[in-house]
Structure formats: structure tokens, C-alpha cells
Amino acid sequence: MATVTDWIKHLTTDTDGSAVGTQVQGAIYPGVGTEGVLVLIAVVIWIGWHVITAKQEAEELKKLAKRRPSSNAWKSNVTDG
């Protein structure tokens, strides 16, 4: 088994593929070129998460405000579930 000591030279050297073996040009991992799309999807999910969470919390706070608990309500320590 041959070893490669200089990976940058190995990956960028233009040689005859039949004599030496196929040389690799560029990135060598799955999904090359999809990084931008994945970042865009992550940003959309992140913003959507915050919008949904804000709506749910606003609804809960509105319900709590309608109940109008007294200043001593916390002493009973009864949760709504």
C-alpha cells in the first residue's frame, strides 16, 4: 500500500490517471455544493421556530391575563397542567 506524504500536492497534481491512479480535484466529501441550501433551510426553520413559539407564548399569556390571578395566587402553587 502506497503512502502519500504531501496531500495538497497529491490532490492538485495533474497526472495520467491510468498510470498513477485517479487524482482528486476539489472537495472529497458527500453533499459538496449543498452547504448554502442547507444553511438557508436551517435559517428558515430557525425563524419559523421563533414565530411559532412567540404565538404559543402570547396565547398562554393572554389566557393567564383573562384569569386575572390575585397577588397571593402563587401561594397555593396549583398549576394548570
N, C-alpha and C. Protein backbone atom coordinates (compact mmCIF):
# COMPACT_ATOMS: atom_id res chain seq x y z
N MET A 1 0.85 -1.18 0.00
CA MET A 1 0.00 0.00 0.00
C MET A 1 0.89 1.24 0.00
N ALA A 2 0.62 2.13 -0.92
CA ALA A 2 1.42 3.34 -1.04
C ALA A 2 0.95 4.38 -0.04
N THR A 3 1.87 5.20 0.41
CA THR A 3 1.51 6.28 1.32
C THR A 3 1.73 7.61 0.62
N VAL A 4 0.95 8.59 1.02
CA VAL A 4 1.07 9.94 0.46
C VAL A 4 1.51 10.85 1.59
N THR A 5 2.61 11.55 1.39
CA THR A 5 3.13 12.41 2.45
C THR A 5 2.69 13.86 2.28
N ASP A 6 2.42 14.28 1.06
CA ASP A 6 2.02 15.67 0.80
C ASP A 6 0.64 15.66 0.14
N TRP A 7 -0.41 15.77 0.94
CA TRP A 7 -1.79 15.67 0.43
C TRP A 7 -2.15 16.79 -0.52
N ILE A 8 -1.69 18.00 -0.26
CA ILE A 8 -2.03 19.11 -1.16
C ILE A 8 -1.44 18.87 -2.54
N LYS A 9 -0.20 18.43 -2.60
CA LYS A 9 0.43 18.13 -3.89
C LYS A 9 -0.29 16.96 -4.55
N HIS A 10 -0.65 15.95 -3.77
CA HIS A 10 -1.33 14.78 -4.29
C HIS A 10 -2.69 15.14 -4.90
N LEU A 11 -3.43 16.01 -4.22
CA LEU A 11 -4.78 16.34 -4.68
C LEU A 11 -4.79 17.31 -5.86
N THR A 12 -3.71 18.04 -6.05
CA THR A 12 -3.72 19.05 -7.12
C THR A 12 -2.80 18.71 -8.28
N THR A 13 -2.06 17.62 -8.22
CA THR A 13 -1.16 17.24 -9.30
C THR A 13 -1.95 16.67 -10.46
N ASP A 14 -1.68 17.16 -11.65
CA ASP A 14 -2.35 16.67 -12.84
C ASP A 14 -1.48 15.56 -13.45
N THR A 15 -1.88 14.33 -13.27
CA THR A 15 -1.11 13.19 -13.78
C THR A 15 -1.99 12.32 -14.65
N ASP A 16 -1.36 11.37 -15.27
CA ASP A 16 -2.08 10.41 -16.10
C ASP A 16 -2.81 9.43 -15.19
N GLY A 17 -4.13 9.42 -15.24
CA GLY A 17 -4.93 8.59 -14.34
C GLY A 17 -4.69 7.11 -14.51
N SER A 18 -4.37 6.65 -15.72
CA SER A 18 -4.16 5.22 -15.94
C SER A 18 -2.82 4.75 -15.39
N ALA A 19 -1.84 5.66 -15.35
CA ALA A 19 -0.50 5.26 -14.88
C ALA A 19 -0.38 5.34 -13.37
N VAL A 20 -0.90 6.38 -12.76
CA VAL A 20 -0.68 6.60 -11.34
C VAL A 20 -1.92 6.27 -10.52
N GLY A 21 -3.07 6.45 -11.07
CA GLY A 21 -4.32 6.31 -10.32
C GLY A 21 -5.07 7.61 -10.43
N THR A 22 -6.32 7.59 -10.18
CA THR A 22 -7.15 8.78 -10.34
C THR A 22 -6.79 9.83 -9.30
N GLN A 23 -6.53 11.01 -9.76
CA GLN A 23 -6.23 12.12 -8.86
C GLN A 23 -7.53 12.85 -8.55
N VAL A 24 -7.65 13.35 -7.36
CA VAL A 24 -8.87 14.02 -6.91
C VAL A 24 -8.67 15.53 -7.01
N GLN A 25 -9.62 16.22 -7.58
CA GLN A 25 -9.59 17.68 -7.66
C GLN A 25 -10.76 18.22 -6.87
N GLY A 26 -10.52 18.96 -5.83
CA GLY A 26 -11.60 19.59 -5.08
C GLY A 26 -11.99 18.81 -3.84
N ALA A 27 -13.18 19.13 -3.35
CA ALA A 27 -13.66 18.54 -2.10
C ALA A 27 -13.98 17.07 -2.29
N ILE A 28 -13.77 16.29 -1.24
CA ILE A 28 -13.99 14.84 -1.34
C ILE A 28 -14.88 14.35 -0.20
N TYR A 29 -16.04 14.97 -0.04
CA TYR A 29 -17.00 14.54 0.97
C TYR A 29 -18.39 14.59 0.36
N PRO A 30 -19.33 13.82 0.90
CA PRO A 30 -20.69 13.79 0.33
C PRO A 30 -21.41 15.12 0.50
N GLY A 31 -22.22 15.47 -0.45
CA GLY A 31 -23.01 16.69 -0.36
C GLY A 31 -22.27 17.95 -0.74
N VAL A 32 -21.23 17.83 -1.53
CA VAL A 32 -20.46 19.00 -1.95
C VAL A 32 -21.37 19.94 -2.73
N GLY A 33 -21.39 21.21 -2.33
CA GLY A 33 -22.19 22.19 -3.03
C GLY A 33 -23.56 22.43 -2.42
N THR A 34 -23.93 21.67 -1.41
CA THR A 34 -25.25 21.83 -0.80
C THR A 34 -25.22 22.67 0.47
N GLU A 35 -24.07 23.17 0.83
CA GLU A 35 -23.94 23.90 2.09
C GLU A 35 -24.84 25.12 2.13
N GLY A 36 -24.88 25.88 1.05
CA GLY A 36 -25.71 27.09 1.00
C GLY A 36 -27.19 26.78 1.17
N VAL A 37 -27.63 25.73 0.51
CA VAL A 37 -29.04 25.33 0.62
C VAL A 37 -29.36 24.87 2.03
N LEU A 38 -28.44 24.11 2.63
CA LEU A 38 -28.67 23.63 3.99
C LEU A 38 -28.70 24.78 5.00
N VAL A 39 -27.85 25.77 4.80
CA VAL A 39 -27.87 26.94 5.68
C VAL A 39 -29.18 27.70 5.52
N LEU A 40 -29.64 27.85 4.29
CA LEU A 40 -30.92 28.54 4.05
C LEU A 40 -32.07 27.80 4.71
N ILE A 41 -32.09 26.48 4.59
CA ILE A 41 -33.14 25.68 5.24
C ILE A 41 -33.08 25.84 6.76
N ALA A 42 -31.87 25.83 7.31
CA ALA A 42 -31.72 25.98 8.76
C ALA A 42 -32.21 27.34 9.23
N VAL A 43 -31.94 28.40 8.47
CA VAL A 43 -32.39 29.74 8.85
C VAL A 43 -33.91 29.82 8.80
N VAL A 44 -34.51 29.24 7.78
CA VAL A 44 -35.98 29.26 7.67
C VAL A 44 -36.60 28.50 8.83
N ILE A 45 -36.05 27.34 9.18
CA ILE A 45 -36.57 26.57 10.32
C ILE A 45 -36.39 27.36 11.61
N TRP A 46 -35.25 28.01 11.77
CA TRP A 46 -34.96 28.78 12.99
C TRP A 46 -35.95 29.93 13.16
N ILE A 47 -36.20 30.68 12.08
CA ILE A 47 -37.15 31.80 12.14
C ILE A 47 -38.56 31.26 12.38
N GLY A 48 -38.93 30.18 11.70
CA GLY A 48 -40.25 29.57 11.90
C GLY A 48 -40.45 29.11 13.33
N TRP A 49 -39.41 28.53 13.92
CA TRP A 49 -39.48 28.10 15.32
C TRP A 49 -39.78 29.27 16.24
N HIS A 50 -39.12 30.40 16.02
CA HIS A 50 -39.34 31.56 16.87
C HIS A 50 -40.74 32.15 16.68
N VAL A 51 -41.23 32.16 15.46
CA VAL A 51 -42.58 32.69 15.20
C VAL A 51 -43.62 31.81 15.89
N ILE A 52 -43.51 30.50 15.73
CA ILE A 52 -44.48 29.59 16.34
C ILE A 52 -44.43 29.69 17.86
N THR A 53 -43.21 29.73 18.42
CA THR A 53 -43.07 29.82 19.87
C THR A 53 -43.65 31.13 20.40
N ALA A 54 -43.43 32.23 19.71
CA ALA A 54 -43.96 33.52 20.15
C ALA A 54 -45.49 33.51 20.15
N LYS A 55 -46.08 32.91 19.11
CA LYS A 55 -47.55 32.83 19.06
C LYS A 55 -48.10 31.99 20.21
N GLN A 56 -47.46 30.86 20.49
CA GLN A 56 -47.93 29.99 21.56
C GLN A 56 -47.79 30.68 22.93
N GLU A 57 -46.69 31.35 23.15
CA GLU A 57 -46.49 32.03 24.43
C GLU A 57 -47.46 33.19 24.58
N ALA A 58 -47.73 33.92 23.50
CA ALA A 58 -48.68 35.03 23.57
C ALA A 58 -50.07 34.51 23.91
N GLU A 59 -50.43 33.37 23.35
CA GLU A 59 -51.74 32.78 23.65
C GLU A 59 -51.83 32.37 25.13
N GLU A 60 -50.77 31.76 25.65
CA GLU A 60 -50.77 31.38 27.06
C GLU A 60 -50.85 32.60 27.97
N LEU A 61 -50.12 33.63 27.64
CA LEU A 61 -50.15 34.84 28.47
C LEU A 61 -51.50 35.52 28.40
N LYS A 62 -52.15 35.44 27.24
CA LYS A 62 -53.49 36.03 27.11
C LYS A 62 -54.49 35.28 27.99
N LYS A 63 -54.38 33.95 28.02
CA LYS A 63 -55.26 33.16 28.88
C LYS A 63 -55.03 33.49 30.36
N LEU A 64 -53.77 33.63 30.72
CA LEU A 64 -53.43 33.95 32.10
C LEU A 64 -53.95 35.34 32.47
N ALA A 65 -53.84 36.29 31.56
CA ALA A 65 -54.32 37.64 31.84
C ALA A 65 -55.84 37.67 31.99
N LYS A 66 -56.55 36.83 31.26
CA LYS A 66 -58.01 36.78 31.38
C LYS A 66 -58.43 36.23 32.74
N ARG A 67 -57.64 35.32 33.31
CA ARG A 67 -57.97 34.77 34.63
C ARG A 67 -57.77 35.78 35.73
N ARG A 68 -56.92 36.72 35.53
CA ARG A 68 -56.60 37.77 36.50
C ARG A 68 -56.32 37.20 37.89
N PRO A 69 -55.21 36.49 38.03
CA PRO A 69 -54.89 35.92 39.35
C PRO A 69 -54.55 37.03 40.35
N SER A 70 -54.85 36.74 41.60
CA SER A 70 -54.56 37.74 42.64
C SER A 70 -53.07 37.70 42.99
N SER A 71 -52.66 38.65 43.81
CA SER A 71 -51.26 38.73 44.18
C SER A 71 -50.83 37.59 45.09
N ASN A 72 -51.79 36.88 45.70
CA ASN A 72 -51.47 35.77 46.58
C ASN A 72 -51.70 34.41 45.91
N ALA A 73 -51.99 34.37 44.62
CA ALA A 73 -52.30 33.13 43.92
C ALA A 73 -51.10 32.19 43.90
N TRP A 74 -49.91 32.72 43.92
CA TRP A 74 -48.72 31.89 43.86
C TRP A 74 -48.55 31.03 45.10
N LYS A 75 -49.18 31.42 46.19
CA LYS A 75 -49.03 30.68 47.46
C LYS A 75 -49.70 29.30 47.40
N SER A 76 -50.74 29.16 46.61
CA SER A 76 -51.43 27.87 46.51
C SER A 76 -50.63 26.87 45.67
N ASN A 77 -49.78 27.37 44.80
CA ASN A 77 -48.89 26.54 43.99
C ASN A 77 -49.65 25.48 43.22
N VAL A 78 -50.77 25.82 42.67
CA VAL A 78 -51.57 24.90 41.85
C VAL A 78 -51.32 25.26 40.40
N THR A 79 -50.89 24.28 39.63
CA THR A 79 -50.59 24.54 38.22
C THR A 79 -51.79 24.19 37.35
N ASP A 80 -51.80 24.70 36.16
CA ASP A 80 -52.89 24.41 35.22
C ASP A 80 -52.64 23.13 34.44
N GLY A 81 -51.50 22.53 34.60
CA GLY A 81 -51.25 21.25 33.97
C GLY A 81 -50.35 21.34 32.85
